[in-house]
């Protein structure tokens, strides 16, 4: 299962749950790429990090700044890893992360991500995201 297929499964799940905005390969902040980012009906941000191998999962923890920020409530309201079935075990996750398994049949949440902070997107932030999306489509 390749990255694009996993992204599609996560995107379909977010749409099914009624998320208002779903985008892949999006830079939330300078140098901080989200494999998939969604905004739910409550204007909360969910980040999904796609992993295709165990080595890739463990290498992710070398991104000290990102994980420190995520674990301390900077960035998305929720953070999930998404991977092929059984690749990552729930007990291997940091406490701030959820887990989604993907297969050819769809995706399912194995571990719910805890809320990292309760700050909702403001209209101004949502507008900035929309402008980034639009400008990246036409550049």
N, C-alpha and C. Protein backbone atom coordinates (compact mmCIF):
# COMPACT_ATOMS: atom_id res chain seq x y z
N UNK A 1 0.85 -1.17 0.00
CA UNK A 1 0.00 0.00 0.00
C UNK A 1 0.90 1.24 0.00
N UNK A 2 0.74 2.10 -1.00
CA UNK A 2 1.60 3.28 -1.10
C UNK A 2 1.00 4.48 -0.35
N UNK A 3 1.79 5.54 -0.24
CA UNK A 3 1.38 6.74 0.50
C UNK A 3 0.10 7.33 -0.05
N UNK A 4 0.01 7.43 -1.36
CA UNK A 4 -1.17 8.02 -1.99
C UNK A 4 -2.44 7.24 -1.65
N UNK A 5 -2.36 5.92 -1.64
CA UNK A 5 -3.52 5.08 -1.31
C UNK A 5 -3.94 5.30 0.14
N UNK A 6 -2.97 5.36 1.05
CA UNK A 6 -3.28 5.59 2.46
C UNK A 6 -3.91 6.98 2.62
N UNK A 7 -3.35 7.97 1.94
CA UNK A 7 -3.93 9.32 2.00
C UNK A 7 -5.39 9.31 1.55
N UNK A 8 -5.67 8.60 0.48
CA UNK A 8 -7.05 8.54 -0.03
C UNK A 8 -7.99 7.90 1.00
N UNK A 9 -7.53 6.86 1.67
CA UNK A 9 -8.35 6.20 2.69
C UNK A 9 -8.65 7.15 3.85
N UNK A 10 -7.63 7.89 4.27
CA UNK A 10 -7.80 8.85 5.37
C UNK A 10 -8.72 9.99 4.94
N UNK A 11 -8.54 10.48 3.73
CA UNK A 11 -9.39 11.55 3.20
C UNK A 11 -10.85 11.10 3.14
N UNK A 12 -11.08 9.89 2.65
CA UNK A 12 -12.45 9.36 2.58
C UNK A 12 -13.07 9.24 3.98
N UNK A 13 -12.26 8.82 4.95
CA UNK A 13 -12.77 8.71 6.31
C UNK A 13 -13.13 10.09 6.88
N UNK A 14 -12.27 11.08 6.65
CA UNK A 14 -12.54 12.43 7.15
C UNK A 14 -13.82 13.00 6.51
N UNK A 15 -13.98 12.77 5.23
CA UNK A 15 -15.19 13.24 4.53
C UNK A 15 -16.42 12.52 5.10
N UNK A 16 -16.29 11.22 5.33
CA UNK A 16 -17.40 10.44 5.90
C UNK A 16 -17.82 11.02 7.26
N UNK A 17 -16.83 11.46 8.06
CA UNK A 17 -17.12 12.03 9.38
C UNK A 17 -17.56 13.50 9.30
N UNK A 18 -17.69 14.02 8.08
CA UNK A 18 -18.24 15.36 7.90
C UNK A 18 -17.26 16.51 8.04
N UNK A 19 -15.98 16.23 7.87
CA UNK A 19 -15.00 17.31 7.95
C UNK A 19 -15.21 18.28 6.79
N UNK A 20 -15.11 19.57 7.10
CA UNK A 20 -15.40 20.62 6.11
C UNK A 20 -14.29 20.83 5.10
N UNK A 21 -13.06 20.59 5.51
CA UNK A 21 -11.92 20.85 4.65
C UNK A 21 -10.95 19.70 4.81
N UNK A 22 -10.51 19.10 3.72
CA UNK A 22 -9.56 18.00 3.77
C UNK A 22 -8.56 18.21 2.63
N UNK A 23 -7.27 18.18 2.95
CA UNK A 23 -6.25 18.42 1.94
C UNK A 23 -5.03 17.55 2.24
N UNK A 24 -4.33 17.12 1.19
CA UNK A 24 -3.12 16.32 1.40
C UNK A 24 -1.88 17.14 1.07
N UNK A 25 -0.75 16.72 1.65
CA UNK A 25 0.56 17.36 1.43
C UNK A 25 0.48 18.88 1.64
N UNK A 26 0.00 19.25 2.81
CA UNK A 26 -0.23 20.65 3.12
C UNK A 26 0.76 21.13 4.18
N UNK A 27 1.36 22.29 3.94
CA UNK A 27 2.27 22.89 4.90
C UNK A 27 1.47 23.78 5.85
N UNK A 28 1.28 23.28 7.07
CA UNK A 28 0.53 24.03 8.07
C UNK A 28 1.34 25.23 8.53
N UNK A 29 2.63 25.01 8.76
CA UNK A 29 3.57 26.06 9.13
C UNK A 29 4.81 25.86 8.28
N UNK A 30 5.69 26.82 8.29
CA UNK A 30 6.95 26.75 7.54
C UNK A 30 7.71 25.48 7.93
N UNK A 31 7.96 24.61 6.95
CA UNK A 31 8.72 23.39 7.19
C UNK A 31 7.94 22.28 7.88
N UNK A 32 6.64 22.44 8.06
CA UNK A 32 5.81 21.45 8.77
C UNK A 32 4.75 20.94 7.81
N UNK A 33 5.08 19.86 7.10
CA UNK A 33 4.15 19.30 6.13
C UNK A 33 3.25 18.27 6.79
N UNK A 34 1.98 18.37 6.48
CA UNK A 34 0.99 17.37 6.93
C UNK A 34 0.69 16.48 5.74
N UNK A 35 0.81 15.17 5.93
CA UNK A 35 0.46 14.26 4.84
C UNK A 35 -1.02 14.42 4.48
N UNK A 36 -1.85 14.56 5.50
CA UNK A 36 -3.27 14.91 5.32
C UNK A 36 -3.64 15.83 6.48
N UNK A 37 -4.39 16.87 6.16
CA UNK A 37 -4.88 17.81 7.17
C UNK A 37 -6.38 17.95 6.94
N UNK A 38 -7.14 17.93 8.03
CA UNK A 38 -8.58 18.15 7.89
C UNK A 38 -9.06 19.10 8.98
N UNK A 39 -10.18 19.74 8.68
CA UNK A 39 -10.83 20.63 9.64
C UNK A 39 -12.25 20.10 9.82
N UNK A 40 -12.61 19.80 11.06
CA UNK A 40 -13.94 19.23 11.30
C UNK A 40 -15.01 20.32 11.42
N UNK A 41 -16.23 19.89 11.67
CA UNK A 41 -17.36 20.83 11.74
C UNK A 41 -17.25 21.82 12.90
N UNK A 42 -16.42 21.51 13.88
CA UNK A 42 -16.21 22.40 15.03
C UNK A 42 -15.01 23.31 14.83
N UNK A 43 -14.44 23.32 13.62
CA UNK A 43 -13.25 24.11 13.30
C UNK A 43 -12.02 23.68 14.08
N UNK A 44 -11.92 22.39 14.34
CA UNK A 44 -10.73 21.81 14.96
C UNK A 44 -9.89 21.15 13.87
N UNK A 45 -8.57 21.21 14.02
CA UNK A 45 -7.63 20.72 13.01
C UNK A 45 -7.14 19.33 13.40
N UNK A 46 -7.15 18.44 12.41
CA UNK A 46 -6.65 17.08 12.61
C UNK A 46 -5.51 16.86 11.62
N UNK A 47 -4.38 16.43 12.13
CA UNK A 47 -3.22 16.13 11.29
C UNK A 47 -3.04 14.62 11.24
N UNK A 48 -2.76 14.12 10.03
CA UNK A 48 -2.53 12.69 9.82
C UNK A 48 -1.14 12.52 9.21
N UNK A 49 -0.33 11.71 9.86
CA UNK A 49 1.02 11.40 9.39
C UNK A 49 1.01 9.98 8.84
N UNK A 50 1.28 9.83 7.55
CA UNK A 50 1.25 8.52 6.89
C UNK A 50 2.60 7.83 7.06
N UNK A 51 2.55 6.56 7.43
CA UNK A 51 3.75 5.74 7.56
C UNK A 51 3.55 4.44 6.80
N UNK A 52 4.54 4.11 5.98
CA UNK A 52 4.46 2.89 5.16
C UNK A 52 5.37 1.78 5.65
N UNK A 53 6.29 2.12 6.56
CA UNK A 53 7.20 1.11 7.09
C UNK A 53 7.50 1.42 8.55
N UNK A 54 7.94 0.40 9.25
CA UNK A 54 8.30 0.60 10.66
C UNK A 54 9.50 1.51 10.77
N UNK A 55 10.45 1.37 9.83
CA UNK A 55 11.64 2.23 9.85
C UNK A 55 11.23 3.71 9.69
N UNK A 56 10.29 3.96 8.81
CA UNK A 56 9.78 5.31 8.59
C UNK A 56 9.12 5.85 9.87
N UNK A 57 8.35 5.00 10.54
CA UNK A 57 7.70 5.39 11.79
C UNK A 57 8.73 5.78 12.85
N UNK A 58 9.72 4.94 13.06
CA UNK A 58 10.72 5.22 14.09
C UNK A 58 11.61 6.41 13.71
N UNK A 59 11.87 6.59 12.42
CA UNK A 59 12.66 7.75 11.97
C UNK A 59 11.91 9.06 12.21
N UNK A 60 10.59 9.00 12.26
CA UNK A 60 9.78 10.20 12.48
C UNK A 60 10.13 10.88 13.80
N UNK A 61 10.57 10.13 14.78
CA UNK A 61 10.87 10.70 16.09
C UNK A 61 12.19 11.47 16.11
N UNK A 62 12.90 11.45 15.00
CA UNK A 62 14.10 12.30 14.88
C UNK A 62 13.71 13.76 14.65
N UNK A 63 12.45 13.98 14.30
CA UNK A 63 11.94 15.35 14.11
C UNK A 63 11.56 15.89 15.49
N UNK A 64 12.59 16.18 16.28
CA UNK A 64 12.38 16.57 17.68
C UNK A 64 11.48 17.79 17.83
N UNK A 65 11.71 18.82 17.00
CA UNK A 65 10.92 20.05 17.12
C UNK A 65 9.44 19.78 16.90
N UNK A 66 9.14 19.01 15.85
CA UNK A 66 7.73 18.73 15.54
C UNK A 66 7.07 17.96 16.67
N UNK A 67 7.72 16.93 17.18
CA UNK A 67 7.11 16.11 18.22
C UNK A 67 7.01 16.86 19.54
N UNK A 68 8.00 17.70 19.84
CA UNK A 68 7.91 18.52 21.05
C UNK A 68 6.72 19.47 20.93
N UNK A 69 6.60 20.11 19.76
CA UNK A 69 5.49 21.05 19.55
C UNK A 69 4.14 20.35 19.61
N UNK A 70 4.03 19.21 18.94
CA UNK A 70 2.77 18.47 18.91
C UNK A 70 2.39 18.03 20.32
N UNK A 71 3.33 17.49 21.05
CA UNK A 71 3.03 16.99 22.39
C UNK A 71 2.70 18.11 23.37
N UNK A 72 3.06 19.32 23.03
CA UNK A 72 2.79 20.47 23.90
C UNK A 72 1.66 21.36 23.38
N UNK A 73 0.85 20.83 22.48
CA UNK A 73 -0.36 21.52 22.06
C UNK A 73 -0.17 22.63 21.04
N UNK A 74 0.93 22.59 20.30
CA UNK A 74 1.15 23.57 19.24
C UNK A 74 0.82 22.90 17.91
N UNK A 75 0.00 23.53 17.13
CA UNK A 75 -0.36 22.95 15.83
C UNK A 75 -1.77 22.40 15.88
N UNK A 76 -1.94 21.19 15.37
CA UNK A 76 -3.25 20.57 15.24
C UNK A 76 -3.87 20.27 16.61
N UNK A 77 -5.19 20.16 16.61
CA UNK A 77 -5.91 19.79 17.83
C UNK A 77 -5.79 18.29 18.10
N UNK A 78 -5.68 17.50 17.02
CA UNK A 78 -5.54 16.05 17.11
C UNK A 78 -4.46 15.61 16.14
N UNK A 79 -3.74 14.55 16.51
CA UNK A 79 -2.67 14.03 15.67
C UNK A 79 -2.81 12.51 15.56
N UNK A 80 -2.85 12.02 14.32
CA UNK A 80 -2.97 10.58 14.06
C UNK A 80 -1.82 10.09 13.18
N UNK A 81 -1.39 8.86 13.42
CA UNK A 81 -0.59 8.12 12.45
C UNK A 81 -1.56 7.27 11.65
N UNK A 82 -1.32 7.16 10.35
CA UNK A 82 -2.11 6.30 9.47
C UNK A 82 -1.14 5.37 8.77
N UNK A 83 -1.46 4.08 8.76
CA UNK A 83 -0.53 3.09 8.21
C UNK A 83 -1.31 1.86 7.74
N UNK A 84 -0.63 0.98 6.99
CA UNK A 84 -1.27 -0.29 6.64
C UNK A 84 -1.58 -1.09 7.92
N UNK A 85 -2.57 -1.97 7.81
CA UNK A 85 -3.01 -2.80 8.94
C UNK A 85 -1.84 -3.45 9.68
N UNK A 86 -1.79 -3.25 10.99
CA UNK A 86 -0.83 -3.94 11.85
C UNK A 86 0.60 -3.43 11.82
N UNK A 87 0.90 -2.43 10.99
CA UNK A 87 2.28 -1.96 10.87
C UNK A 87 2.80 -1.34 12.17
N UNK A 88 1.99 -0.52 12.79
CA UNK A 88 2.34 0.13 14.05
C UNK A 88 1.39 -0.42 15.11
N UNK A 89 1.92 -0.71 16.27
CA UNK A 89 1.09 -1.19 17.39
C UNK A 89 0.69 0.02 18.24
N UNK A 90 -0.51 -0.02 18.77
CA UNK A 90 -1.03 1.10 19.59
C UNK A 90 -0.11 1.40 20.76
N UNK A 91 0.51 0.39 21.36
CA UNK A 91 1.37 0.64 22.52
C UNK A 91 2.73 1.24 22.14
N UNK A 92 3.00 1.38 20.84
CA UNK A 92 4.24 2.02 20.39
C UNK A 92 4.07 3.53 20.18
N UNK A 93 2.84 3.99 20.25
CA UNK A 93 2.54 5.39 19.98
C UNK A 93 2.87 6.29 21.16
N UNK A 94 3.26 7.52 20.87
CA UNK A 94 3.36 8.49 21.96
C UNK A 94 1.95 8.79 22.47
N UNK A 95 1.83 9.27 23.69
CA UNK A 95 0.49 9.47 24.28
C UNK A 95 -0.35 10.49 23.54
N UNK A 96 0.26 11.37 22.76
CA UNK A 96 -0.48 12.43 22.07
C UNK A 96 -0.98 12.00 20.69
N UNK A 97 -0.74 10.75 20.30
CA UNK A 97 -1.08 10.32 18.94
C UNK A 97 -2.18 9.26 18.93
N UNK A 98 -2.99 9.32 17.88
CA UNK A 98 -3.96 8.28 17.60
C UNK A 98 -3.44 7.42 16.46
N UNK A 99 -4.19 6.38 16.11
CA UNK A 99 -3.74 5.44 15.09
C UNK A 99 -4.91 5.02 14.20
N UNK A 100 -4.66 5.05 12.90
CA UNK A 100 -5.65 4.61 11.91
C UNK A 100 -5.00 3.53 11.05
N UNK A 101 -5.68 2.39 10.94
CA UNK A 101 -5.23 1.34 10.04
C UNK A 101 -5.97 1.48 8.72
N UNK A 102 -5.23 1.29 7.63
CA UNK A 102 -5.81 1.37 6.29
C UNK A 102 -5.61 0.04 5.56
N UNK A 103 -6.61 -0.33 4.79
CA UNK A 103 -6.53 -1.53 3.96
C UNK A 103 -7.24 -1.23 2.65
N UNK A 104 -7.25 -2.21 1.77
CA UNK A 104 -7.93 -2.00 0.49
C UNK A 104 -9.42 -1.77 0.68
N UNK A 105 -9.98 -2.22 1.81
CA UNK A 105 -11.41 -2.07 2.07
C UNK A 105 -11.77 -0.73 2.72
N UNK A 106 -10.79 -0.01 3.23
CA UNK A 106 -11.09 1.27 3.89
C UNK A 106 -10.12 1.55 5.02
N UNK A 107 -10.61 2.26 6.03
CA UNK A 107 -9.78 2.60 7.17
C UNK A 107 -10.60 2.51 8.44
N UNK A 108 -9.89 2.34 9.55
CA UNK A 108 -10.57 2.32 10.84
C UNK A 108 -9.66 2.88 11.92
N UNK A 109 -10.27 3.55 12.86
CA UNK A 109 -9.52 4.12 13.98
C UNK A 109 -9.24 3.01 14.98
N UNK A 110 -7.96 2.80 15.26
CA UNK A 110 -7.53 1.78 16.21
C UNK A 110 -7.38 2.41 17.59
N UNK A 111 -6.85 3.62 17.61
CA UNK A 111 -6.69 4.37 18.86
C UNK A 111 -7.08 5.81 18.59
N UNK A 112 -8.02 6.31 19.35
CA UNK A 112 -8.43 7.72 19.21
C UNK A 112 -7.32 8.63 19.72
N UNK A 113 -7.12 9.70 19.00
CA UNK A 113 -6.13 10.69 19.44
C UNK A 113 -6.75 11.56 20.52
N UNK A 114 -5.98 11.88 21.55
CA UNK A 114 -6.51 12.80 22.57
C UNK A 114 -6.50 14.23 22.04
N UNK A 115 -7.37 15.06 22.57
CA UNK A 115 -7.36 16.48 22.18
C UNK A 115 -6.09 17.11 22.77
N UNK A 116 -5.31 17.74 21.91
CA UNK A 116 -4.05 18.36 22.35
C UNK A 116 -4.26 19.77 22.87
N UNK A 117 -5.26 20.44 22.34
CA UNK A 117 -5.68 21.75 22.83
C UNK A 117 -7.06 22.04 22.26
N UNK A 118 -7.77 22.96 22.85
CA UNK A 118 -9.14 23.23 22.44
C UNK A 118 -9.33 24.47 21.59
N UNK A 119 -8.22 25.06 21.15
CA UNK A 119 -8.30 26.28 20.35
C UNK A 119 -8.86 25.98 18.96
N UNK A 120 -9.92 26.68 18.61
CA UNK A 120 -10.52 26.50 17.28
C UNK A 120 -9.86 27.44 16.29
N UNK A 121 -9.94 27.06 15.02
CA UNK A 121 -9.45 27.95 13.98
C UNK A 121 -10.32 29.21 13.95
N UNK A 122 -9.66 30.32 13.80
CA UNK A 122 -10.41 31.57 13.62
C UNK A 122 -10.74 31.71 12.14
N UNK A 123 -11.64 32.61 11.83
CA UNK A 123 -11.97 32.87 10.43
C UNK A 123 -10.71 33.28 9.67
N UNK A 124 -9.88 34.10 10.28
CA UNK A 124 -8.64 34.57 9.64
C UNK A 124 -7.70 33.40 9.33
N UNK A 125 -7.54 32.47 10.27
CA UNK A 125 -6.68 31.31 10.05
C UNK A 125 -7.24 30.41 8.95
N UNK A 126 -8.55 30.21 8.97
CA UNK A 126 -9.20 29.39 7.95
C UNK A 126 -9.02 30.02 6.57
N UNK A 127 -9.13 31.34 6.50
CA UNK A 127 -8.93 32.06 5.24
C UNK A 127 -7.49 31.89 4.74
N UNK A 128 -6.51 31.96 5.65
CA UNK A 128 -5.11 31.77 5.27
C UNK A 128 -4.88 30.37 4.70
N UNK A 129 -5.50 29.37 5.32
CA UNK A 129 -5.38 27.99 4.82
C UNK A 129 -5.98 27.90 3.42
N UNK A 130 -7.16 28.49 3.24
CA UNK A 130 -7.81 28.46 1.92
C UNK A 130 -6.94 29.14 0.86
N UNK A 131 -6.33 30.26 1.21
CA UNK A 131 -5.47 30.99 0.27
C UNK A 131 -4.25 30.13 -0.08
N UNK A 132 -3.65 29.46 0.92
CA UNK A 132 -2.50 28.59 0.66
C UNK A 132 -2.89 27.46 -0.29
N UNK A 133 -4.06 26.87 -0.05
CA UNK A 133 -4.52 25.78 -0.89
C UNK A 133 -4.70 26.27 -2.33
N UNK A 134 -5.38 27.38 -2.48
CA UNK A 134 -5.63 27.92 -3.81
C UNK A 134 -4.34 28.31 -4.52
N UNK A 135 -3.41 28.95 -3.82
CA UNK A 135 -2.17 29.39 -4.46
C UNK A 135 -1.30 28.18 -4.85
N UNK A 136 -1.35 27.12 -4.05
CA UNK A 136 -0.53 25.95 -4.39
C UNK A 136 -1.10 25.19 -5.59
N UNK A 137 -2.40 25.32 -5.83
CA UNK A 137 -3.02 24.63 -6.97
C UNK A 137 -2.66 25.30 -8.30
N UNK A 138 -2.32 26.56 -8.26
CA UNK A 138 -2.12 27.31 -9.49
C UNK A 138 -0.69 27.81 -9.70
N UNK A 139 0.22 27.34 -8.86
CA UNK A 139 1.62 27.76 -9.01
C UNK A 139 2.38 26.77 -9.85
